[in-house]
N, C-alpha and C. Protein backbone atom coordinates (compact mmCIF):
# COMPACT_ATOMS: atom_id res chain seq x y z
N MET A 1 -2.66 -19.24 -20.83
CA MET A 1 -3.49 -18.89 -19.69
C MET A 1 -2.63 -18.17 -18.66
N SER A 2 -3.17 -17.12 -18.10
CA SER A 2 -2.47 -16.37 -17.07
C SER A 2 -2.31 -17.22 -15.82
N ARG A 3 -1.08 -17.33 -15.35
CA ARG A 3 -0.84 -18.14 -14.15
C ARG A 3 -1.48 -17.52 -12.92
N VAL A 4 -1.48 -16.19 -12.85
CA VAL A 4 -2.10 -15.52 -11.71
C VAL A 4 -3.62 -15.54 -11.88
N GLY A 5 -4.10 -15.25 -13.07
CA GLY A 5 -5.54 -15.13 -13.31
C GLY A 5 -6.33 -16.41 -13.13
N LYS A 6 -5.72 -17.54 -13.41
CA LYS A 6 -6.48 -18.79 -13.34
C LYS A 6 -6.62 -19.35 -11.92
N LYS A 7 -5.88 -18.81 -10.95
CA LYS A 7 -5.99 -19.28 -9.57
C LYS A 7 -7.32 -18.82 -8.97
N PRO A 8 -8.09 -19.72 -8.37
CA PRO A 8 -9.32 -19.28 -7.70
C PRO A 8 -8.99 -18.54 -6.40
N ILE A 9 -9.86 -17.64 -6.00
CA ILE A 9 -9.68 -16.87 -4.77
C ILE A 9 -10.64 -17.43 -3.72
N GLU A 10 -10.11 -17.85 -2.59
CA GLU A 10 -10.93 -18.36 -1.49
C GLU A 10 -11.66 -17.18 -0.83
N ILE A 11 -12.96 -17.32 -0.65
CA ILE A 11 -13.73 -16.28 0.03
C ILE A 11 -13.85 -16.67 1.50
N PRO A 12 -13.26 -15.88 2.41
CA PRO A 12 -13.32 -16.20 3.84
C PRO A 12 -14.75 -16.07 4.38
N LYS A 13 -15.00 -16.72 5.52
CA LYS A 13 -16.31 -16.63 6.16
C LYS A 13 -16.53 -15.20 6.65
N GLY A 14 -17.77 -14.74 6.53
CA GLY A 14 -18.11 -13.40 6.99
C GLY A 14 -17.87 -12.32 5.95
N VAL A 15 -17.47 -12.71 4.74
CA VAL A 15 -17.22 -11.74 3.67
C VAL A 15 -18.31 -11.89 2.62
N LYS A 16 -18.92 -10.77 2.25
CA LYS A 16 -19.98 -10.77 1.24
C LYS A 16 -19.42 -10.23 -0.07
N VAL A 17 -19.52 -11.02 -1.15
CA VAL A 17 -19.01 -10.63 -2.46
C VAL A 17 -20.19 -10.44 -3.40
N THR A 18 -20.26 -9.27 -4.04
CA THR A 18 -21.31 -8.97 -5.01
C THR A 18 -20.65 -8.71 -6.36
N ILE A 19 -21.10 -9.43 -7.39
CA ILE A 19 -20.54 -9.28 -8.73
C ILE A 19 -21.49 -8.43 -9.56
N LEU A 20 -20.99 -7.30 -10.04
CA LEU A 20 -21.73 -6.41 -10.92
C LEU A 20 -21.07 -6.45 -12.30
N PRO A 21 -21.71 -5.94 -13.35
CA PRO A 21 -21.13 -6.05 -14.69
C PRO A 21 -19.75 -5.42 -14.85
N ASP A 22 -19.46 -4.33 -14.13
CA ASP A 22 -18.19 -3.64 -14.31
C ASP A 22 -17.28 -3.66 -13.08
N ARG A 23 -17.74 -4.29 -11.97
CA ARG A 23 -16.92 -4.29 -10.76
C ARG A 23 -17.34 -5.41 -9.81
N ILE A 24 -16.46 -5.66 -8.84
CA ILE A 24 -16.75 -6.62 -7.77
C ILE A 24 -16.74 -5.84 -6.47
N GLU A 25 -17.83 -5.96 -5.69
CA GLU A 25 -17.91 -5.29 -4.40
C GLU A 25 -17.70 -6.32 -3.29
N VAL A 26 -16.81 -6.00 -2.37
CA VAL A 26 -16.46 -6.90 -1.27
C VAL A 26 -16.72 -6.18 0.04
N GLU A 27 -17.47 -6.84 0.93
CA GLU A 27 -17.78 -6.24 2.22
C GLU A 27 -17.40 -7.22 3.32
N GLY A 28 -16.62 -6.76 4.29
CA GLY A 28 -16.17 -7.60 5.39
C GLY A 28 -16.22 -6.85 6.70
N LYS A 29 -15.57 -7.42 7.72
CA LYS A 29 -15.64 -6.84 9.06
C LYS A 29 -14.93 -5.49 9.16
N LEU A 30 -13.92 -5.22 8.30
CA LEU A 30 -13.18 -3.95 8.38
C LEU A 30 -13.75 -2.86 7.48
N GLY A 31 -14.61 -3.22 6.52
CA GLY A 31 -15.17 -2.20 5.64
C GLY A 31 -15.60 -2.76 4.31
N LYS A 32 -15.73 -1.86 3.33
CA LYS A 32 -16.23 -2.22 2.01
C LYS A 32 -15.27 -1.69 0.95
N LEU A 33 -14.91 -2.54 -0.02
CA LEU A 33 -14.02 -2.15 -1.11
C LEU A 33 -14.61 -2.56 -2.45
N THR A 34 -14.16 -1.91 -3.51
CA THR A 34 -14.61 -2.22 -4.86
C THR A 34 -13.40 -2.49 -5.74
N SER A 35 -13.51 -3.55 -6.55
CA SER A 35 -12.45 -3.92 -7.49
C SER A 35 -13.02 -3.85 -8.90
N PRO A 36 -12.32 -3.24 -9.87
CA PRO A 36 -12.87 -3.13 -11.22
C PRO A 36 -12.81 -4.46 -11.98
N LEU A 37 -13.75 -4.64 -12.89
CA LEU A 37 -13.74 -5.76 -13.83
C LEU A 37 -13.56 -5.16 -15.22
N TYR A 38 -12.44 -5.40 -15.83
CA TYR A 38 -12.13 -4.82 -17.13
C TYR A 38 -12.88 -5.54 -18.24
N PRO A 39 -13.04 -4.92 -19.41
CA PRO A 39 -13.76 -5.57 -20.53
C PRO A 39 -13.10 -6.90 -20.90
N GLY A 40 -13.93 -7.90 -21.11
CA GLY A 40 -13.43 -9.22 -21.50
C GLY A 40 -13.18 -10.14 -20.33
N ILE A 41 -13.36 -9.67 -19.09
CA ILE A 41 -13.15 -10.49 -17.89
C ILE A 41 -14.50 -10.72 -17.22
N LYS A 42 -14.79 -11.96 -16.90
CA LYS A 42 -16.04 -12.32 -16.22
C LYS A 42 -15.71 -12.95 -14.87
N ALA A 43 -16.52 -12.67 -13.86
CA ALA A 43 -16.34 -13.22 -12.53
C ALA A 43 -17.54 -14.09 -12.18
N SER A 44 -17.26 -15.16 -11.42
CA SER A 44 -18.35 -16.02 -10.95
C SER A 44 -17.95 -16.58 -9.58
N ILE A 45 -19.00 -16.94 -8.82
CA ILE A 45 -18.77 -17.54 -7.50
C ILE A 45 -19.19 -19.00 -7.58
N GLU A 46 -18.26 -19.89 -7.25
CA GLU A 46 -18.54 -21.32 -7.23
C GLU A 46 -18.19 -21.83 -5.84
N GLY A 47 -19.21 -22.12 -5.06
CA GLY A 47 -18.99 -22.56 -3.68
C GLY A 47 -18.45 -21.40 -2.86
N GLN A 48 -17.27 -21.57 -2.27
CA GLN A 48 -16.62 -20.51 -1.49
C GLN A 48 -15.41 -19.96 -2.25
N GLN A 49 -15.47 -19.96 -3.59
CA GLN A 49 -14.37 -19.46 -4.41
C GLN A 49 -14.86 -18.45 -5.43
N LEU A 50 -14.05 -17.43 -5.64
CA LEU A 50 -14.29 -16.45 -6.68
C LEU A 50 -13.38 -16.79 -7.85
N ILE A 51 -13.96 -17.00 -9.02
CA ILE A 51 -13.20 -17.41 -10.19
C ILE A 51 -13.35 -16.35 -11.29
N LEU A 52 -12.22 -15.91 -11.83
CA LEU A 52 -12.22 -14.94 -12.93
C LEU A 52 -11.81 -15.65 -14.21
N THR A 53 -12.58 -15.43 -15.28
CA THR A 53 -12.28 -16.03 -16.58
C THR A 53 -12.27 -14.93 -17.63
N ARG A 54 -11.63 -15.23 -18.76
CA ARG A 54 -11.61 -14.24 -19.84
C ARG A 54 -12.37 -14.78 -21.04
N GLU A 55 -12.91 -13.84 -21.84
CA GLU A 55 -13.76 -14.22 -22.97
C GLU A 55 -12.95 -14.57 -24.21
N ASN A 56 -11.76 -13.95 -24.39
CA ASN A 56 -10.98 -14.20 -25.60
C ASN A 56 -9.49 -14.24 -25.25
N GLU A 57 -8.67 -14.46 -26.24
CA GLU A 57 -7.22 -14.60 -26.03
C GLU A 57 -6.43 -13.39 -26.54
N GLU A 58 -7.06 -12.23 -26.65
CA GLU A 58 -6.33 -11.03 -27.07
C GLU A 58 -5.30 -10.66 -26.00
N LYS A 59 -4.24 -9.99 -26.43
CA LYS A 59 -3.16 -9.65 -25.51
C LYS A 59 -3.67 -8.77 -24.35
N GLN A 60 -4.47 -7.77 -24.66
CA GLN A 60 -4.98 -6.86 -23.63
C GLN A 60 -5.84 -7.61 -22.61
N THR A 61 -6.66 -8.53 -23.08
CA THR A 61 -7.52 -9.30 -22.19
C THR A 61 -6.70 -10.22 -21.29
N ARG A 62 -5.66 -10.83 -21.84
CA ARG A 62 -4.77 -11.69 -21.04
C ARG A 62 -4.09 -10.88 -19.95
N GLN A 63 -3.68 -9.65 -20.28
CA GLN A 63 -3.03 -8.80 -19.29
C GLN A 63 -4.00 -8.41 -18.17
N PHE A 64 -5.23 -8.08 -18.55
CA PHE A 64 -6.23 -7.68 -17.56
C PHE A 64 -6.65 -8.84 -16.66
N HIS A 65 -6.53 -10.08 -17.16
CA HIS A 65 -6.98 -11.25 -16.40
C HIS A 65 -6.23 -11.36 -15.06
N GLY A 66 -4.91 -11.34 -15.10
CA GLY A 66 -4.12 -11.41 -13.87
C GLY A 66 -4.30 -10.18 -13.00
N LEU A 67 -4.43 -9.01 -13.63
CA LEU A 67 -4.61 -7.77 -12.88
C LEU A 67 -5.92 -7.79 -12.10
N CYS A 68 -7.00 -8.18 -12.75
CA CYS A 68 -8.32 -8.21 -12.08
C CYS A 68 -8.31 -9.18 -10.91
N ARG A 69 -7.65 -10.33 -11.09
CA ARG A 69 -7.59 -11.33 -10.02
C ARG A 69 -6.80 -10.79 -8.83
N ALA A 70 -5.66 -10.14 -9.11
CA ALA A 70 -4.83 -9.59 -8.04
C ALA A 70 -5.57 -8.47 -7.29
N LEU A 71 -6.28 -7.61 -8.00
CA LEU A 71 -7.02 -6.53 -7.35
C LEU A 71 -8.16 -7.07 -6.49
N ALA A 72 -8.86 -8.10 -6.99
CA ALA A 72 -9.94 -8.71 -6.23
C ALA A 72 -9.39 -9.40 -4.98
N ASN A 73 -8.26 -10.08 -5.11
CA ASN A 73 -7.63 -10.74 -3.96
C ASN A 73 -7.21 -9.72 -2.91
N ASN A 74 -6.65 -8.57 -3.35
CA ASN A 74 -6.26 -7.52 -2.42
C ASN A 74 -7.47 -6.96 -1.67
N CYS A 75 -8.62 -6.88 -2.34
CA CYS A 75 -9.84 -6.42 -1.67
C CYS A 75 -10.26 -7.40 -0.59
N LEU A 76 -10.21 -8.70 -0.90
CA LEU A 76 -10.60 -9.71 0.09
C LEU A 76 -9.66 -9.70 1.29
N ILE A 77 -8.37 -9.56 1.06
CA ILE A 77 -7.41 -9.50 2.17
C ILE A 77 -7.63 -8.22 2.98
N GLY A 78 -7.89 -7.12 2.28
CA GLY A 78 -8.07 -5.83 2.94
C GLY A 78 -9.25 -5.79 3.89
N VAL A 79 -10.40 -6.36 3.48
CA VAL A 79 -11.59 -6.30 4.35
C VAL A 79 -11.54 -7.32 5.47
N THR A 80 -10.63 -8.31 5.41
CA THR A 80 -10.52 -9.28 6.49
C THR A 80 -9.36 -8.97 7.44
N GLN A 81 -8.17 -8.66 6.88
CA GLN A 81 -6.98 -8.44 7.71
C GLN A 81 -6.50 -7.00 7.70
N GLY A 82 -6.60 -6.34 6.57
CA GLY A 82 -6.06 -5.00 6.41
C GLY A 82 -4.60 -5.04 6.01
N PHE A 83 -4.04 -3.89 5.66
CA PHE A 83 -2.65 -3.79 5.24
C PHE A 83 -1.94 -2.77 6.12
N SER A 84 -0.62 -2.94 6.26
CA SER A 84 0.15 -1.96 7.02
C SER A 84 1.56 -1.86 6.47
N LYS A 85 2.15 -0.70 6.64
CA LYS A 85 3.54 -0.45 6.30
C LYS A 85 4.16 0.32 7.45
N GLN A 86 5.45 0.08 7.69
CA GLN A 86 6.14 0.80 8.75
C GLN A 86 7.25 1.65 8.14
N LEU A 87 7.35 2.87 8.64
CA LEU A 87 8.40 3.80 8.21
C LEU A 87 9.27 4.12 9.42
N GLU A 88 10.58 4.16 9.19
CA GLU A 88 11.47 4.58 10.26
C GLU A 88 12.13 5.89 9.85
N ILE A 89 12.31 6.75 10.84
CA ILE A 89 12.89 8.06 10.63
C ILE A 89 14.27 8.04 11.27
N THR A 90 15.30 8.32 10.47
CA THR A 90 16.68 8.28 10.95
C THR A 90 17.30 9.66 10.81
N GLY A 91 17.90 10.16 11.88
CA GLY A 91 18.57 11.45 11.85
C GLY A 91 18.48 12.12 13.20
N VAL A 92 19.47 12.93 13.52
CA VAL A 92 19.50 13.62 14.80
C VAL A 92 18.40 14.68 14.83
N GLY A 93 17.49 14.57 15.81
CA GLY A 93 16.40 15.52 15.94
C GLY A 93 15.22 15.24 15.04
N TYR A 94 15.27 14.20 14.23
CA TYR A 94 14.16 13.86 13.35
C TYR A 94 13.12 13.09 14.17
N ARG A 95 11.86 13.51 14.09
CA ARG A 95 10.81 12.83 14.83
C ARG A 95 9.45 13.13 14.20
N ALA A 96 8.47 12.36 14.64
CA ALA A 96 7.11 12.53 14.15
C ALA A 96 6.13 12.38 15.30
N LYS A 97 4.99 13.05 15.18
CA LYS A 97 3.91 12.84 16.16
C LYS A 97 2.58 13.01 15.45
N VAL A 98 1.59 12.29 15.95
CA VAL A 98 0.25 12.30 15.35
C VAL A 98 -0.71 12.94 16.33
N GLU A 99 -1.47 13.92 15.85
CA GLU A 99 -2.51 14.57 16.64
C GLU A 99 -3.77 14.64 15.80
N LYS A 100 -4.85 14.02 16.30
CA LYS A 100 -6.13 13.95 15.60
C LYS A 100 -5.92 13.36 14.21
N ASN A 101 -6.14 14.13 13.16
CA ASN A 101 -5.95 13.60 11.80
C ASN A 101 -4.81 14.31 11.08
N LYS A 102 -3.79 14.73 11.84
CA LYS A 102 -2.63 15.39 11.26
C LYS A 102 -1.35 14.71 11.74
N LEU A 103 -0.40 14.61 10.83
CA LEU A 103 0.92 14.06 11.14
C LEU A 103 1.91 15.22 11.08
N GLU A 104 2.66 15.41 12.16
CA GLU A 104 3.67 16.48 12.20
C GLU A 104 5.05 15.84 12.14
N LEU A 105 5.81 16.21 11.11
CA LEU A 105 7.16 15.66 10.91
C LEU A 105 8.20 16.76 11.10
N ASN A 106 9.19 16.49 11.94
CA ASN A 106 10.36 17.37 12.08
C ASN A 106 11.53 16.60 11.47
N VAL A 107 11.89 16.97 10.25
CA VAL A 107 12.93 16.22 9.54
C VAL A 107 14.02 17.13 8.98
N GLY A 108 14.44 18.10 9.77
CA GLY A 108 15.59 18.90 9.39
C GLY A 108 15.28 20.18 8.63
N TYR A 109 14.02 20.50 8.41
CA TYR A 109 13.68 21.75 7.75
C TYR A 109 13.44 22.82 8.80
N SER A 110 13.35 24.09 8.41
CA SER A 110 13.19 25.17 9.37
C SER A 110 11.84 25.10 10.08
N ARG A 111 10.83 24.52 9.42
CA ARG A 111 9.51 24.38 10.04
C ARG A 111 9.06 22.93 9.93
N PRO A 112 8.22 22.49 10.84
CA PRO A 112 7.72 21.11 10.73
C PRO A 112 6.77 20.96 9.54
N ILE A 113 6.70 19.76 8.99
CA ILE A 113 5.79 19.45 7.90
C ILE A 113 4.51 18.92 8.52
N ILE A 114 3.37 19.51 8.14
CA ILE A 114 2.07 19.06 8.63
C ILE A 114 1.40 18.32 7.47
N TYR A 115 1.10 17.03 7.68
CA TYR A 115 0.49 16.20 6.65
C TYR A 115 -0.91 15.79 7.11
N GLU A 116 -1.91 16.11 6.31
CA GLU A 116 -3.30 15.76 6.59
C GLU A 116 -3.50 14.28 6.27
N ILE A 117 -3.89 13.49 7.26
CA ILE A 117 -4.06 12.04 7.06
C ILE A 117 -5.35 11.79 6.28
N PRO A 118 -5.26 11.07 5.14
CA PRO A 118 -6.47 10.82 4.33
C PRO A 118 -7.47 9.93 5.07
N GLU A 119 -8.72 10.01 4.63
CA GLU A 119 -9.78 9.19 5.21
C GLU A 119 -9.54 7.72 4.86
N GLY A 120 -9.76 6.84 5.81
CA GLY A 120 -9.56 5.41 5.58
C GLY A 120 -8.16 4.94 5.93
N ILE A 121 -7.29 5.86 6.36
CA ILE A 121 -5.91 5.53 6.73
C ILE A 121 -5.71 5.89 8.19
N GLU A 122 -5.00 5.03 8.90
CA GLU A 122 -4.67 5.29 10.30
C GLU A 122 -3.15 5.28 10.44
N ILE A 123 -2.61 6.33 11.04
CA ILE A 123 -1.17 6.42 11.26
C ILE A 123 -0.92 6.42 12.77
N ILE A 124 -0.05 5.50 13.19
CA ILE A 124 0.30 5.38 14.61
C ILE A 124 1.78 5.67 14.76
N ALA A 125 2.13 6.60 15.68
CA ALA A 125 3.52 6.88 15.98
C ALA A 125 3.89 6.02 17.19
N GLU A 126 4.44 4.82 16.93
CA GLU A 126 4.80 3.91 18.02
C GLU A 126 5.93 4.48 18.86
N LYS A 127 6.91 5.07 18.20
CA LYS A 127 7.99 5.82 18.83
C LYS A 127 8.08 7.12 18.04
N PRO A 128 8.83 8.08 18.52
CA PRO A 128 8.99 9.31 17.72
C PRO A 128 9.67 9.05 16.37
N THR A 129 10.33 7.91 16.22
CA THR A 129 11.04 7.62 14.97
C THR A 129 10.48 6.41 14.23
N LEU A 130 9.28 5.93 14.63
CA LEU A 130 8.68 4.77 13.97
C LEU A 130 7.20 5.02 13.73
N LEU A 131 6.79 5.00 12.45
CA LEU A 131 5.40 5.22 12.07
C LEU A 131 4.82 3.93 11.49
N THR A 132 3.58 3.62 11.84
CA THR A 132 2.86 2.51 11.24
C THR A 132 1.64 3.07 10.53
N ILE A 133 1.52 2.72 9.25
CA ILE A 133 0.41 3.19 8.42
C ILE A 133 -0.49 1.99 8.18
N LYS A 134 -1.78 2.09 8.56
CA LYS A 134 -2.72 0.99 8.42
C LYS A 134 -3.94 1.42 7.62
N GLY A 135 -4.53 0.45 6.92
CA GLY A 135 -5.75 0.70 6.17
C GLY A 135 -6.21 -0.56 5.48
N ILE A 136 -7.40 -0.49 4.86
CA ILE A 136 -7.91 -1.67 4.17
C ILE A 136 -7.58 -1.66 2.68
N ASP A 137 -7.25 -0.51 2.14
CA ASP A 137 -6.94 -0.39 0.71
C ASP A 137 -5.42 -0.42 0.52
N LYS A 138 -4.92 -1.46 -0.12
CA LYS A 138 -3.48 -1.65 -0.28
C LYS A 138 -2.84 -0.51 -1.07
N GLN A 139 -3.52 -0.05 -2.12
CA GLN A 139 -2.98 1.03 -2.94
C GLN A 139 -2.88 2.33 -2.15
N LYS A 140 -3.89 2.62 -1.35
CA LYS A 140 -3.90 3.85 -0.57
C LYS A 140 -2.82 3.84 0.51
N VAL A 141 -2.64 2.68 1.18
CA VAL A 141 -1.61 2.56 2.21
C VAL A 141 -0.22 2.78 1.60
N GLY A 142 0.03 2.17 0.45
CA GLY A 142 1.32 2.35 -0.23
C GLY A 142 1.54 3.77 -0.69
N GLN A 143 0.48 4.41 -1.19
CA GLN A 143 0.60 5.79 -1.66
C GLN A 143 0.91 6.75 -0.51
N VAL A 144 0.24 6.57 0.62
CA VAL A 144 0.48 7.43 1.78
C VAL A 144 1.91 7.22 2.29
N ALA A 145 2.36 5.96 2.35
CA ALA A 145 3.72 5.68 2.81
C ALA A 145 4.74 6.35 1.89
N ASP A 146 4.51 6.29 0.58
CA ASP A 146 5.44 6.91 -0.36
C ASP A 146 5.41 8.43 -0.25
N THR A 147 4.23 9.00 -0.05
CA THR A 147 4.13 10.46 0.10
C THR A 147 4.91 10.94 1.32
N ILE A 148 4.76 10.23 2.44
CA ILE A 148 5.49 10.60 3.66
C ILE A 148 6.98 10.42 3.45
N LYS A 149 7.36 9.35 2.77
CA LYS A 149 8.77 9.07 2.52
C LYS A 149 9.41 10.17 1.66
N ARG A 150 8.64 10.76 0.76
CA ARG A 150 9.16 11.81 -0.12
C ARG A 150 9.47 13.12 0.58
N PHE A 151 8.94 13.32 1.80
CA PHE A 151 9.23 14.54 2.54
C PHE A 151 10.73 14.65 2.86
N ARG A 152 11.39 13.50 3.08
CA ARG A 152 12.84 13.51 3.32
C ARG A 152 13.38 12.15 2.88
N ARG A 153 13.78 12.09 1.62
CA ARG A 153 14.36 10.86 1.07
C ARG A 153 15.66 10.53 1.80
N PRO A 154 15.97 9.24 1.97
CA PRO A 154 17.23 8.89 2.65
C PRO A 154 18.45 9.39 1.87
N ASP A 155 19.36 10.00 2.58
CA ASP A 155 20.59 10.52 2.00
C ASP A 155 21.57 9.35 1.80
N PRO A 156 22.15 9.18 0.60
CA PRO A 156 23.06 8.04 0.39
C PRO A 156 24.39 8.17 1.13
N TYR A 157 24.74 9.36 1.60
CA TYR A 157 26.02 9.55 2.29
C TYR A 157 25.89 9.38 3.80
N LYS A 158 24.92 10.07 4.41
CA LYS A 158 24.76 10.02 5.87
C LYS A 158 23.64 9.08 6.32
N GLN A 159 22.83 8.59 5.37
CA GLN A 159 21.74 7.65 5.64
C GLN A 159 20.61 8.26 6.46
N LYS A 160 20.51 9.61 6.48
CA LYS A 160 19.45 10.27 7.21
C LYS A 160 18.22 10.39 6.32
N GLY A 161 17.03 10.28 6.92
CA GLY A 161 15.80 10.46 6.17
C GLY A 161 14.72 9.49 6.62
N ILE A 162 13.68 9.37 5.78
CA ILE A 162 12.54 8.50 6.08
C ILE A 162 12.60 7.33 5.11
N ARG A 163 12.51 6.11 5.65
CA ARG A 163 12.54 4.91 4.80
C ARG A 163 11.65 3.82 5.39
N LEU A 164 11.34 2.83 4.56
CA LEU A 164 10.56 1.69 5.01
C LEU A 164 11.41 0.84 5.95
N VAL A 165 10.78 0.21 6.93
CA VAL A 165 11.49 -0.68 7.84
C VAL A 165 11.97 -1.88 7.02
N GLY A 166 13.26 -2.17 7.13
CA GLY A 166 13.83 -3.28 6.38
C GLY A 166 14.40 -2.89 5.04
N GLU A 167 14.21 -1.64 4.61
CA GLU A 167 14.76 -1.18 3.34
C GLU A 167 16.27 -1.03 3.46
N VAL A 168 17.00 -1.64 2.56
CA VAL A 168 18.46 -1.62 2.61
C VAL A 168 18.96 -0.49 1.72
N LEU A 169 19.75 0.38 2.29
CA LEU A 169 20.34 1.49 1.52
C LEU A 169 21.81 1.20 1.30
N ILE A 170 22.29 1.55 0.13
CA ILE A 170 23.70 1.39 -0.18
C ILE A 170 24.39 2.69 0.21
N LYS A 171 25.29 2.61 1.19
CA LYS A 171 25.99 3.80 1.65
C LYS A 171 27.13 4.13 0.71
N LYS A 172 27.18 5.39 0.29
CA LYS A 172 28.24 5.85 -0.60
C LYS A 172 29.39 6.41 0.23
N GLU A 173 30.57 6.26 -0.29
CA GLU A 173 31.74 6.86 0.34
C GLU A 173 31.73 8.35 0.05
N ARG A 174 32.43 9.11 0.88
CA ARG A 174 32.47 10.55 0.61
C ARG A 174 33.18 10.82 -0.69
N LYS A 175 32.93 11.97 -1.23
CA LYS A 175 33.50 12.32 -2.53
C LYS A 175 35.00 12.51 -2.40
N ALA A 176 35.72 12.07 -3.41
CA ALA A 176 37.18 12.21 -3.41
C ALA A 176 37.57 13.68 -3.49
N GLY A 177 38.61 14.05 -2.80
CA GLY A 177 39.08 15.42 -2.85
C GLY A 177 38.45 16.33 -1.85
N VAL A 178 37.56 15.83 -0.99
CA VAL A 178 36.96 16.67 0.02
C VAL A 178 37.90 16.74 1.21
N ALA A 179 38.27 17.94 1.58
CA ALA A 179 39.23 18.13 2.68
C ALA A 179 38.48 18.43 3.96
N GLY A 180 38.99 17.89 5.05
CA GLY A 180 38.48 18.23 6.36
C GLY A 180 37.22 17.49 6.78
N ALA A 181 36.75 16.59 5.98
CA ALA A 181 35.50 15.91 6.35
C ALA A 181 35.75 14.55 6.93
């Protein structure tokens, strides 16, 4: 039995869960999300708990059991609390600002990078070097954070670039044989 899949999911007050043959729809105070139900996985509501069970013991079904439970749990957390990630920008002259639905990044290139903020995502520039990405969909928040991070990956030598808050980088020593640096 899947250790993740067999755990029941508590349904918070004020959240409406609808079980359809191929998906679970969750609606809460922050919005509405959908979680897929893969073949061989069945969902049921017992009291204030959402329980996912599997029909057989095939390897593929066992793998989907934990996945479906995790995706459904992320939907419930998303519509009640939401998800957020913070990015810090390190480097001389590196900064960001948000205007309407566009993010402007100055990260050492000749021109600023203009990033169109996707629907359902909110980006807040708390400082010119600190961005907070918020949304109800965990996958979308992570994808947007990674896309922004890819505009200027942290340099292993000077540690300049865009990274997650709390991300530890291993600083490399300068290359041997370099004169004058």
